[in-house]
N, C-alpha and C. Protein backbone atom coordinates (compact mmCIF):
# COMPACT_ATOMS: atom_id res chain seq x y z
N MET A 1 100.41 164.53 49.61
CA MET A 1 100.63 163.32 48.83
C MET A 1 101.73 163.61 47.81
N ASN A 2 102.71 162.78 47.80
CA ASN A 2 103.84 162.93 46.89
C ASN A 2 103.39 162.57 45.46
N GLN A 3 103.39 163.57 44.59
CA GLN A 3 102.91 163.37 43.22
C GLN A 3 103.80 162.42 42.43
N ASP A 4 105.10 162.39 42.74
CA ASP A 4 106.00 161.47 42.04
C ASP A 4 105.67 160.02 42.37
N ILE A 5 105.40 159.75 43.65
CA ILE A 5 105.04 158.39 44.06
C ILE A 5 103.70 157.99 43.42
N LEU A 6 102.74 158.91 43.43
CA LEU A 6 101.44 158.64 42.82
C LEU A 6 101.60 158.36 41.32
N ALA A 7 102.34 159.19 40.63
CA ALA A 7 102.52 159.01 39.19
C ALA A 7 103.22 157.69 38.88
N GLN A 8 104.25 157.36 39.63
CA GLN A 8 104.96 156.11 39.39
C GLN A 8 104.07 154.90 39.69
N THR A 9 103.27 155.00 40.73
CA THR A 9 102.34 153.92 41.06
C THR A 9 101.37 153.69 39.91
N LEU A 10 100.81 154.76 39.38
CA LEU A 10 99.87 154.64 38.27
C LEU A 10 100.54 154.12 37.00
N LEU A 11 101.76 154.56 36.75
CA LEU A 11 102.50 154.06 35.58
C LEU A 11 102.73 152.55 35.67
N VAL A 12 103.11 152.09 36.84
CA VAL A 12 103.37 150.66 37.03
C VAL A 12 102.07 149.87 36.89
N ILE A 13 100.99 150.37 37.49
CA ILE A 13 99.70 149.69 37.37
C ILE A 13 99.27 149.62 35.91
N GLN A 14 99.41 150.72 35.19
CA GLN A 14 99.03 150.75 33.78
C GLN A 14 99.82 149.72 32.98
N ALA A 15 101.12 149.64 33.22
CA ALA A 15 101.96 148.68 32.50
C ALA A 15 101.60 147.25 32.87
N GLU A 16 101.39 146.99 34.15
CA GLU A 16 101.11 145.62 34.59
C GLU A 16 99.70 145.18 34.21
N ARG A 17 98.76 146.09 34.09
CA ARG A 17 97.41 145.69 33.70
C ARG A 17 97.40 145.19 32.26
N ILE A 18 98.31 145.69 31.45
CA ILE A 18 98.43 145.25 30.06
C ILE A 18 99.05 143.85 30.00
N HIS A 19 100.05 143.62 30.83
CA HIS A 19 100.80 142.36 30.79
C HIS A 19 100.27 141.31 31.76
N GLY A 20 99.36 141.68 32.63
CA GLY A 20 98.79 140.74 33.59
C GLY A 20 99.59 140.67 34.87
N GLY A 21 98.88 140.60 35.97
CA GLY A 21 99.53 140.52 37.28
C GLY A 21 99.94 141.89 37.79
N PHE A 22 99.90 142.05 39.08
CA PHE A 22 100.25 143.33 39.70
C PHE A 22 101.36 143.13 40.72
N ASN A 23 102.43 142.48 40.32
CA ASN A 23 103.52 142.16 41.25
C ASN A 23 104.25 143.41 41.73
N THR A 24 104.73 144.22 40.83
CA THR A 24 105.47 145.43 41.20
C THR A 24 104.52 146.50 41.72
N SER A 25 103.29 146.51 41.22
CA SER A 25 102.31 147.51 41.63
C SER A 25 102.07 147.47 43.13
N SER A 26 102.02 146.29 43.70
CA SER A 26 101.74 146.16 45.13
C SER A 26 102.75 146.93 45.97
N ALA A 27 104.02 146.84 45.61
CA ALA A 27 105.05 147.56 46.36
C ALA A 27 104.86 149.07 46.23
N TRP A 28 104.48 149.52 45.03
CA TRP A 28 104.25 150.95 44.84
C TRP A 28 103.02 151.42 45.58
N VAL A 29 101.98 150.59 45.64
CA VAL A 29 100.78 150.96 46.39
C VAL A 29 101.12 151.05 47.88
N ASP A 30 101.91 150.13 48.39
CA ASP A 30 102.36 150.21 49.79
C ASP A 30 103.09 151.53 50.04
N ARG A 31 103.95 151.90 49.12
CA ARG A 31 104.71 153.15 49.25
C ARG A 31 103.76 154.34 49.23
N LEU A 32 102.76 154.30 48.36
CA LEU A 32 101.78 155.39 48.27
C LEU A 32 101.01 155.53 49.58
N VAL A 33 100.56 154.41 50.14
CA VAL A 33 99.80 154.45 51.39
C VAL A 33 100.68 154.97 52.53
N ALA A 34 101.91 154.51 52.57
CA ALA A 34 102.83 154.98 53.62
C ALA A 34 103.04 156.49 53.51
N ASP A 35 103.13 156.99 52.30
CA ASP A 35 103.35 158.42 52.09
C ASP A 35 102.08 159.23 52.35
N ALA A 36 100.96 158.80 51.81
CA ALA A 36 99.73 159.60 51.81
C ALA A 36 98.87 159.39 53.05
N GLY A 37 99.00 158.24 53.69
CA GLY A 37 98.09 157.91 54.79
C GLY A 37 96.78 157.41 54.24
N GLU A 38 95.93 156.93 55.12
CA GLU A 38 94.69 156.30 54.69
C GLU A 38 93.45 157.17 54.85
N GLU A 39 93.52 158.22 55.64
CA GLU A 39 92.34 159.02 55.91
C GLU A 39 91.83 159.71 54.64
N GLN A 40 90.57 159.48 54.33
CA GLN A 40 89.91 160.06 53.15
C GLN A 40 90.74 159.86 51.88
N LEU A 41 91.35 158.70 51.77
CA LEU A 41 92.27 158.44 50.68
C LEU A 41 91.58 158.46 49.31
N ALA A 42 90.40 157.89 49.20
CA ALA A 42 89.70 157.86 47.91
C ALA A 42 89.45 159.28 47.39
N GLU A 43 88.95 160.14 48.24
CA GLU A 43 88.67 161.52 47.83
C GLU A 43 89.96 162.26 47.47
N ARG A 44 91.00 162.06 48.26
CA ARG A 44 92.26 162.75 47.98
C ARG A 44 92.89 162.24 46.69
N LEU A 45 92.80 160.93 46.46
CA LEU A 45 93.32 160.38 45.21
C LEU A 45 92.53 160.89 44.02
N ASP A 46 91.23 160.92 44.15
CA ASP A 46 90.39 161.40 43.06
C ASP A 46 90.75 162.85 42.70
N ALA A 47 90.97 163.66 43.71
CA ALA A 47 91.33 165.06 43.47
C ALA A 47 92.73 165.16 42.85
N ALA A 48 93.66 164.34 43.33
CA ALA A 48 95.04 164.42 42.85
C ALA A 48 95.19 163.86 41.44
N ILE A 49 94.41 162.84 41.13
CA ILE A 49 94.52 162.19 39.82
C ILE A 49 93.71 162.93 38.76
N GLY A 50 92.53 163.38 39.13
CA GLY A 50 91.67 164.07 38.18
C GLY A 50 91.36 163.18 36.99
N ASP A 51 91.29 163.79 35.83
CA ASP A 51 90.97 163.05 34.60
C ASP A 51 92.21 162.68 33.81
N THR A 52 93.38 162.77 34.43
CA THR A 52 94.62 162.57 33.69
C THR A 52 94.93 161.10 33.41
N TRP A 53 94.31 160.19 34.12
CA TRP A 53 94.55 158.76 33.93
C TRP A 53 93.24 158.07 33.58
N PRO A 54 93.29 157.01 32.77
CA PRO A 54 92.06 156.27 32.45
C PRO A 54 91.41 155.74 33.73
N TRP A 55 90.10 155.74 33.74
CA TRP A 55 89.40 155.29 34.94
C TRP A 55 89.75 153.85 35.27
N GLU A 56 90.07 153.03 34.26
CA GLU A 56 90.40 151.63 34.50
C GLU A 56 91.67 151.49 35.36
N VAL A 57 92.63 152.36 35.12
CA VAL A 57 93.87 152.33 35.90
C VAL A 57 93.58 152.74 37.34
N VAL A 58 92.74 153.76 37.51
CA VAL A 58 92.37 154.21 38.85
C VAL A 58 91.56 153.12 39.56
N ALA A 59 90.67 152.45 38.85
CA ALA A 59 89.91 151.34 39.46
C ALA A 59 90.85 150.23 39.91
N ASP A 60 91.88 149.94 39.12
CA ASP A 60 92.87 148.94 39.53
C ASP A 60 93.62 149.40 40.78
N LEU A 61 93.97 150.68 40.84
CA LEU A 61 94.61 151.22 42.04
C LEU A 61 93.71 151.03 43.25
N PHE A 62 92.45 151.37 43.12
CA PHE A 62 91.51 151.21 44.23
C PHE A 62 91.37 149.74 44.62
N GLY A 63 91.38 148.85 43.62
CA GLY A 63 91.31 147.42 43.92
C GLY A 63 92.51 146.96 44.73
N LEU A 64 93.69 147.42 44.36
CA LEU A 64 94.89 147.08 45.12
C LEU A 64 94.84 147.67 46.52
N LEU A 65 94.33 148.89 46.63
CA LEU A 65 94.22 149.52 47.95
C LEU A 65 93.29 148.74 48.87
N THR A 66 92.28 148.10 48.30
CA THR A 66 91.36 147.30 49.10
C THR A 66 92.12 146.25 49.90
N TRP A 67 93.13 145.68 49.30
CA TRP A 67 93.89 144.62 49.96
C TRP A 67 95.06 145.15 50.77
N GLN A 68 95.40 146.42 50.60
CA GLN A 68 96.63 146.92 51.20
C GLN A 68 96.42 148.05 52.21
N THR A 69 95.18 148.32 52.57
CA THR A 69 94.93 149.29 53.62
C THR A 69 94.59 148.54 54.91
N SER A 70 94.79 149.21 56.02
CA SER A 70 94.63 148.54 57.32
C SER A 70 93.20 148.11 57.61
N ASP A 71 92.23 148.76 56.96
CA ASP A 71 90.82 148.39 57.17
C ASP A 71 90.27 147.53 56.04
N ASN A 72 91.17 146.96 55.24
CA ASN A 72 90.78 146.12 54.09
C ASN A 72 89.83 146.85 53.14
N GLY A 73 90.09 148.13 52.96
CA GLY A 73 89.32 148.90 51.99
C GLY A 73 87.96 149.37 52.45
N ALA A 74 87.64 149.26 53.74
CA ALA A 74 86.31 149.65 54.22
C ALA A 74 86.03 151.13 53.97
N ASP A 75 86.97 151.99 54.31
CA ASP A 75 86.78 153.43 54.09
C ASP A 75 86.67 153.74 52.60
N LEU A 76 87.51 153.09 51.83
CA LEU A 76 87.49 153.25 50.38
C LEU A 76 86.12 152.85 49.82
N SER A 77 85.63 151.72 50.27
CA SER A 77 84.33 151.22 49.82
C SER A 77 83.20 152.16 50.23
N ASP A 78 83.26 152.68 51.44
CA ASP A 78 82.23 153.63 51.88
C ASP A 78 82.21 154.86 50.98
N THR A 79 83.39 155.33 50.61
CA THR A 79 83.48 156.51 49.74
C THR A 79 82.93 156.21 48.35
N THR A 80 83.32 155.07 47.78
CA THR A 80 82.83 154.76 46.43
C THR A 80 81.33 154.47 46.44
N ASP A 81 80.82 153.92 47.54
CA ASP A 81 79.36 153.76 47.66
C ASP A 81 78.68 155.13 47.64
N ASP A 82 79.29 156.10 48.32
CA ASP A 82 78.74 157.46 48.31
C ASP A 82 78.76 158.05 46.89
N TRP A 83 79.82 157.75 46.14
CA TRP A 83 79.88 158.23 44.76
C TRP A 83 78.72 157.67 43.95
N LEU A 84 78.39 156.39 44.19
CA LEU A 84 77.26 155.78 43.48
C LEU A 84 75.94 156.39 43.94
N ARG A 85 75.79 156.65 45.22
CA ARG A 85 74.56 157.28 45.72
C ARG A 85 74.37 158.66 45.09
N GLU A 86 75.47 159.41 44.98
CA GLU A 86 75.40 160.73 44.35
C GLU A 86 75.01 160.57 42.88
N GLY A 87 75.63 159.63 42.21
CA GLY A 87 75.26 159.26 40.85
C GLY A 87 75.35 160.37 39.82
N THR A 88 76.32 161.25 39.96
CA THR A 88 76.41 162.38 39.03
C THR A 88 77.70 162.42 38.22
N ASN A 89 78.74 161.75 38.67
CA ASN A 89 80.04 161.84 38.02
C ASN A 89 80.36 160.48 37.38
N LEU A 90 80.30 160.42 36.06
CA LEU A 90 80.47 159.15 35.35
C LEU A 90 81.81 158.50 35.68
N ARG A 91 82.87 159.27 35.73
CA ARG A 91 84.19 158.70 36.02
C ARG A 91 84.21 158.03 37.39
N ARG A 92 83.69 158.71 38.39
CA ARG A 92 83.62 158.12 39.74
C ARG A 92 82.74 156.87 39.74
N ILE A 93 81.66 156.92 39.01
CA ILE A 93 80.76 155.77 38.92
C ILE A 93 81.49 154.58 38.30
N GLN A 94 82.22 154.82 37.22
CA GLN A 94 82.95 153.73 36.58
C GLN A 94 83.97 153.11 37.53
N ILE A 95 84.69 153.93 38.27
CA ILE A 95 85.65 153.43 39.24
C ILE A 95 84.94 152.60 40.30
N ALA A 96 83.84 153.12 40.82
CA ALA A 96 83.10 152.45 41.90
C ALA A 96 82.49 151.13 41.45
N LEU A 97 82.07 151.06 40.20
CA LEU A 97 81.44 149.84 39.69
C LEU A 97 82.44 148.71 39.43
N HIS A 98 83.71 149.02 39.49
CA HIS A 98 84.73 148.01 39.21
C HIS A 98 85.61 147.73 40.42
N GLY A 99 85.00 147.82 41.59
CA GLY A 99 85.72 147.52 42.83
C GLY A 99 85.92 146.04 43.04
N GLU A 100 86.57 145.73 44.13
CA GLU A 100 86.89 144.34 44.47
C GLU A 100 85.71 143.59 45.07
N ALA A 101 84.69 144.32 45.47
CA ALA A 101 83.52 143.70 46.10
C ALA A 101 82.26 144.37 45.55
N TYR A 102 81.12 143.77 45.85
CA TYR A 102 79.87 144.40 45.45
C TYR A 102 79.73 145.74 46.16
N PRO A 103 79.18 146.72 45.45
CA PRO A 103 78.91 147.98 46.15
C PRO A 103 77.77 147.77 47.15
N PHE A 104 77.83 148.46 48.25
CA PHE A 104 76.80 148.48 49.28
C PHE A 104 76.73 147.16 50.05
N HIS A 105 76.51 147.30 51.33
CA HIS A 105 76.32 146.12 52.18
C HIS A 105 74.92 145.53 51.95
N ASP A 106 73.98 146.40 51.65
CA ASP A 106 72.58 146.00 51.50
C ASP A 106 72.26 145.77 50.02
N ARG A 107 71.82 144.56 49.71
CA ARG A 107 71.51 144.22 48.33
C ARG A 107 70.41 145.11 47.74
N ALA A 108 69.36 145.38 48.51
CA ALA A 108 68.25 146.18 48.02
C ALA A 108 68.71 147.60 47.66
N GLU A 109 69.56 148.17 48.49
CA GLU A 109 70.08 149.50 48.17
C GLU A 109 70.91 149.45 46.90
N MET A 110 71.74 148.42 46.76
CA MET A 110 72.56 148.29 45.57
C MET A 110 71.68 148.25 44.32
N VAL A 111 70.65 147.44 44.34
CA VAL A 111 69.77 147.31 43.19
C VAL A 111 69.11 148.65 42.87
N GLN A 112 68.59 149.31 43.89
CA GLN A 112 67.92 150.59 43.67
C GLN A 112 68.87 151.63 43.07
N VAL A 113 70.05 151.76 43.65
CA VAL A 113 71.00 152.76 43.18
C VAL A 113 71.50 152.42 41.78
N LEU A 114 71.87 151.16 41.55
CA LEU A 114 72.43 150.79 40.25
C LEU A 114 71.38 150.86 39.13
N GLU A 115 70.13 150.56 39.44
CA GLU A 115 69.09 150.70 38.42
C GLU A 115 68.94 152.17 38.00
N GLY A 116 69.03 153.08 38.97
CA GLY A 116 68.97 154.51 38.66
C GLY A 116 70.17 154.96 37.83
N ILE A 117 71.33 154.48 38.20
CA ILE A 117 72.55 154.83 37.45
C ILE A 117 72.46 154.30 36.02
N ALA A 118 71.98 153.07 35.87
CA ALA A 118 71.86 152.48 34.53
C ALA A 118 70.94 153.30 33.64
N GLN A 119 69.90 153.88 34.21
CA GLN A 119 68.99 154.72 33.42
C GLN A 119 69.64 156.03 33.03
N ARG A 120 70.41 156.62 33.94
CA ARG A 120 71.03 157.91 33.66
C ARG A 120 72.29 157.81 32.81
N PHE A 121 73.00 156.69 32.94
CA PHE A 121 74.27 156.52 32.24
C PHE A 121 74.27 155.20 31.47
N PRO A 122 73.77 155.19 30.24
CA PRO A 122 73.72 153.96 29.45
C PRO A 122 75.11 153.32 29.27
N GLU A 123 76.16 154.12 29.36
CA GLU A 123 77.53 153.60 29.20
C GLU A 123 77.86 152.52 30.23
N VAL A 124 77.22 152.57 31.38
CA VAL A 124 77.52 151.61 32.45
C VAL A 124 76.35 150.69 32.75
N ALA A 125 75.31 150.74 31.94
CA ALA A 125 74.11 149.94 32.20
C ALA A 125 74.42 148.44 32.22
N ASP A 126 75.25 147.98 31.30
CA ASP A 126 75.61 146.55 31.28
C ASP A 126 76.32 146.13 32.55
N ARG A 127 77.24 146.97 33.03
CA ARG A 127 77.97 146.64 34.26
C ARG A 127 77.02 146.64 35.46
N CYS A 128 76.10 147.58 35.50
CA CYS A 128 75.12 147.61 36.59
C CYS A 128 74.29 146.33 36.59
N GLU A 129 73.81 145.94 35.42
CA GLU A 129 73.00 144.72 35.30
C GLU A 129 73.82 143.49 35.69
N GLU A 130 75.07 143.45 35.27
CA GLU A 130 75.95 142.33 35.63
C GLU A 130 76.10 142.20 37.14
N LEU A 131 76.32 143.31 37.82
CA LEU A 131 76.46 143.28 39.28
C LEU A 131 75.16 142.86 39.96
N ILE A 132 74.04 143.39 39.49
CA ILE A 132 72.75 143.05 40.09
C ILE A 132 72.45 141.56 39.89
N THR A 133 72.63 141.07 38.68
CA THR A 133 72.35 139.66 38.38
C THR A 133 73.26 138.74 39.20
N SER A 134 74.52 139.06 39.24
CA SER A 134 75.47 138.24 39.98
C SER A 134 75.15 138.21 41.47
N ARG A 135 74.84 139.36 42.02
CA ARG A 135 74.54 139.40 43.47
C ARG A 135 73.23 138.72 43.79
N ASN A 136 72.27 138.80 42.89
CA ASN A 136 70.99 138.14 43.14
C ASN A 136 71.14 136.62 43.20
N ARG A 137 72.19 136.10 42.59
CA ARG A 137 72.46 134.66 42.64
C ARG A 137 73.08 134.23 43.97
N MET A 138 73.59 135.19 44.70
CA MET A 138 74.26 134.89 45.96
C MET A 138 73.33 135.10 47.14
N LYS A 139 73.67 134.48 48.24
CA LYS A 139 72.93 134.71 49.48
C LYS A 139 73.72 135.72 50.30
N ASP A 140 73.02 136.69 50.86
CA ASP A 140 73.68 137.66 51.75
C ASP A 140 73.80 137.11 53.13
């Protein structure tokens, strides 16, 4: 993975998240995907980025990747669901809780996992409750 492309992508996302809209970011995300490929992209990005960027910027990157990968973010979503199941890394949890879709295909699993996370990590309890409440209003 080209670190210069990754860094520039994150810089553009960070700037655009402040000003609203991700017009230029999309082109950089396309460039990143073309360079890095899609296989195990979430894990490779997590390793390459580490703690050097705010989790919010990384969550925005993952959100853009959802729309710009060939599987519409399915692999990415599977990986972030696994991060929630593991429930041990707060940064990964924060990224996973701010995806483009509800975590988990199964509502019951989502509720069970997020309730456990909310107990272990009070920092994200409100977000967990928000996702559970919102999904409970919807029909699967």
